[in-house]
Amino acid sequence: MPFVHGINLESAVKHIWTDAPSPKRLADQKRSSERRNVSLPARLTWKDQRGTTRFATVMTRNVSELGVYVECQSPVSIPLFRLVQFQLERDVRESDALPGALQQGRVLSAVYRVSPPSSAQPQGLALRLMVDPRRNAAVPEETTRATA
């Protein structure tokens, strides 16, 4: 039994048994919107902790209605939850494979995952697009007609 300063550590630790998720359970999980693989150049703009505007050229790897994953050719120092402006390069914005928000131009986004660079992969950033999910929802025609 391990003791630290006269305290029995085994009695202080709570043991919890968890089952590993089965492959079937993982397959049942679905994203809220379809993710599409793309390879499009884009740019990130943000302010660092001193308020200096920074830029980074990135390559978009996949997109959905609410998120984007990008890879940075050179590592950048962007902390989690930092707000950034995401913008696809002008000549690639008019693709039918892109969500409407990305075709507009700049989209305010929040960094919610940072993958460090490795010898095999460049640094990756997962961005949450700060768009109203109802904005892209289809509105039935009957609700748009005026009645008197």
Protein backbone atom coordinates (compact mmCIF):
# COMPACT_ATOMS: atom_id res chain seq x y z
CA MET A 1 0.00 0.00 0.00
CA PRO A 2 1.43 3.40 -0.95
CA PHE A 3 1.52 5.92 1.88
CA VAL A 4 2.25 9.64 1.60
CA HIS A 5 2.62 11.59 4.84
CA GLY A 6 0.81 8.78 6.69
CA ILE A 7 -2.21 8.73 4.32
CA ASN A 8 -3.25 5.53 2.59
CA LEU A 9 -3.53 6.56 -1.11
CA GLU A 10 -5.49 3.47 -2.16
CA SER A 11 -8.47 4.49 -0.06
CA ALA A 12 -8.30 8.07 -1.40
CA VAL A 13 -8.51 7.06 -5.09
CA LYS A 14 -11.90 6.39 -6.59
CA HIS A 15 -11.84 3.59 -9.15
CA ILE A 16 -14.32 3.80 -12.00
CA TRP A 17 -14.84 1.01 -14.51
CA THR A 18 -15.73 2.12 -18.01
CA ASP A 19 -16.48 0.01 -21.04
CA ALA A 20 -14.62 0.87 -24.22
CA PRO A 21 -17.07 2.00 -26.89
CA SER A 22 -17.96 -0.75 -29.30
CA PRO A 23 -17.39 -0.18 -33.03
CA LYS A 24 -21.15 -0.26 -33.56
CA ARG A 25 -21.66 2.52 -31.00
CA LEU A 26 -19.00 4.67 -32.70
CA ALA A 27 -20.62 4.12 -36.11
CA ASP A 28 -23.97 5.34 -34.76
CA GLN A 29 -22.54 8.76 -33.87
CA LYS A 30 -23.23 11.30 -36.61
CA ARG A 31 -22.06 14.84 -37.21
CA SER A 32 -24.60 17.63 -37.31
CA SER A 33 -23.57 18.39 -40.90
CA GLU A 34 -21.70 16.55 -43.62
CA ARG A 35 -17.94 17.09 -43.77
CA ARG A 36 -16.48 17.40 -47.28
CA ASN A 37 -12.82 16.84 -48.12
CA VAL A 38 -11.32 19.74 -50.08
CA SER A 39 -7.89 21.13 -50.77
CA LEU A 40 -8.26 24.90 -51.10
CA PRO A 41 -5.90 27.77 -50.21
CA ALA A 42 -7.10 30.17 -47.54
CA ARG A 43 -5.90 32.83 -45.13
CA LEU A 44 -6.27 33.32 -41.39
CA THR A 45 -6.16 36.75 -39.77
CA TRP A 46 -6.07 37.32 -36.01
CA LYS A 47 -4.71 39.60 -33.33
CA ASP A 48 -2.02 38.25 -31.04
CA GLN A 49 -1.86 38.87 -27.28
CA ARG A 50 -0.28 42.31 -27.89
CA GLY A 51 -2.97 43.37 -30.35
CA THR A 52 -0.76 43.02 -33.44
CA THR A 53 -2.57 41.76 -36.52
CA ARG A 54 -1.16 38.45 -37.76
CA PHE A 55 -1.70 36.52 -40.99
CA ALA A 56 -1.14 32.92 -42.00
CA THR A 57 -1.56 31.16 -45.32
CA VAL A 58 -3.23 27.79 -44.80
CA MET A 59 -4.59 24.88 -46.84
CA THR A 60 -8.19 23.89 -46.16
CA ARG A 61 -8.53 20.11 -45.80
CA ASN A 62 -12.22 19.67 -45.01
CA VAL A 63 -15.29 21.82 -44.51
CA SER A 64 -18.81 21.55 -43.15
CA GLU A 65 -21.61 24.03 -42.51
CA LEU A 66 -20.17 24.82 -39.05
CA GLY A 67 -16.48 23.95 -39.16
CA VAL A 68 -13.24 23.93 -41.12
CA TYR A 69 -9.98 22.04 -40.67
CA VAL A 70 -6.85 23.72 -42.03
CA GLU A 71 -3.16 22.87 -42.18
CA CYS A 72 -0.46 25.52 -41.76
CA GLN A 73 2.67 25.19 -43.87
CA SER A 74 4.66 27.04 -41.21
CA PRO A 75 3.72 26.69 -37.52
CA VAL A 76 1.72 29.54 -35.99
CA SER A 77 1.10 30.46 -32.40
CA ILE A 78 -2.67 30.70 -32.08
CA PRO A 79 -4.09 29.70 -28.69
CA LEU A 80 -7.30 27.73 -28.24
CA PHE A 81 -10.54 29.70 -28.41
CA ARG A 82 -8.84 32.65 -30.18
CA LEU A 83 -11.15 34.36 -32.65
CA VAL A 84 -9.77 34.40 -36.18
CA GLN A 85 -11.05 35.56 -39.55
CA PHE A 86 -11.08 32.68 -42.05
CA GLN A 87 -11.15 33.53 -45.74
CA LEU A 88 -10.79 31.30 -48.78
CA GLU A 89 -8.73 32.73 -51.61
CA ARG A 90 -10.96 34.70 -53.99
CA ASP A 91 -10.55 32.44 -57.03
CA VAL A 92 -11.74 29.26 -55.21
CA ARG A 93 -14.81 30.62 -53.39
CA GLU A 94 -17.41 29.83 -56.04
CA SER A 95 -17.46 26.06 -55.66
CA ASP A 96 -20.74 24.20 -55.17
CA ALA A 97 -18.95 21.94 -52.67
CA LEU A 98 -18.60 24.85 -50.22
CA PRO A 99 -21.13 25.91 -47.59
CA GLY A 100 -22.76 29.28 -48.26
CA ALA A 101 -20.95 31.06 -45.43
CA LEU A 102 -17.55 30.27 -46.97
CA GLN A 103 -18.58 31.63 -50.37
CA GLN A 104 -19.33 35.05 -48.86
CA GLY A 105 -15.78 35.99 -47.91
CA ARG A 106 -14.44 36.36 -44.38
CA VAL A 107 -16.02 34.27 -41.66
CA LEU A 108 -15.41 34.85 -37.96
CA SER A 109 -14.22 31.57 -36.43
CA ALA A 110 -12.92 30.21 -33.14
CA VAL A 111 -9.95 27.87 -32.82
CA TYR A 112 -11.15 24.80 -30.93
CA ARG A 113 -8.38 22.28 -31.62
CA VAL A 114 -4.68 22.67 -32.41
CA SER A 115 -2.70 19.69 -33.73
CA PRO A 116 1.05 20.19 -33.33
CA PRO A 117 3.28 19.65 -36.37
CA SER A 118 5.17 16.39 -36.77
CA SER A 119 7.64 15.04 -39.28
CA ALA A 120 4.73 13.55 -41.26
CA GLN A 121 2.04 16.23 -40.81
CA PRO A 122 1.97 20.04 -40.76
CA GLN A 123 0.30 21.89 -37.90
CA GLY A 124 -3.49 21.64 -38.04
CA LEU A 125 -6.22 23.90 -36.71
CA ALA A 126 -9.89 23.03 -36.30
CA LEU A 127 -12.08 26.11 -36.58
CA ARG A 128 -15.69 26.52 -35.51
CA LEU A 129 -17.46 28.90 -37.89
CA MET A 130 -19.35 31.54 -35.95
CA VAL A 131 -22.46 31.47 -38.13
CA ASP A 132 -26.08 31.16 -37.13
CA PRO A 133 -27.01 27.54 -37.94
CA ARG A 134 -30.56 28.64 -38.72
CA ARG A 135 -29.27 31.00 -41.42
CA ASN A 136 -28.69 28.13 -43.84
CA ALA A 137 -31.83 26.20 -42.90
CA ALA A 138 -34.42 25.84 -45.63
CA VAL A 139 -37.55 27.86 -44.92
CA PRO A 140 -40.77 26.30 -46.21
CA GLU A 141 -42.44 28.48 -48.84
CA GLU A 142 -45.77 28.66 -46.94
CA THR A 143 -44.15 30.46 -43.99
CA THR A 144 -42.82 33.24 -46.23
CA ARG A 145 -46.21 34.22 -47.71
CA ALA A 146 -48.17 37.01 -46.15
CA THR A 147 -51.76 36.31 -45.18
CA ALA A 148 -54.45 38.85 -44.63
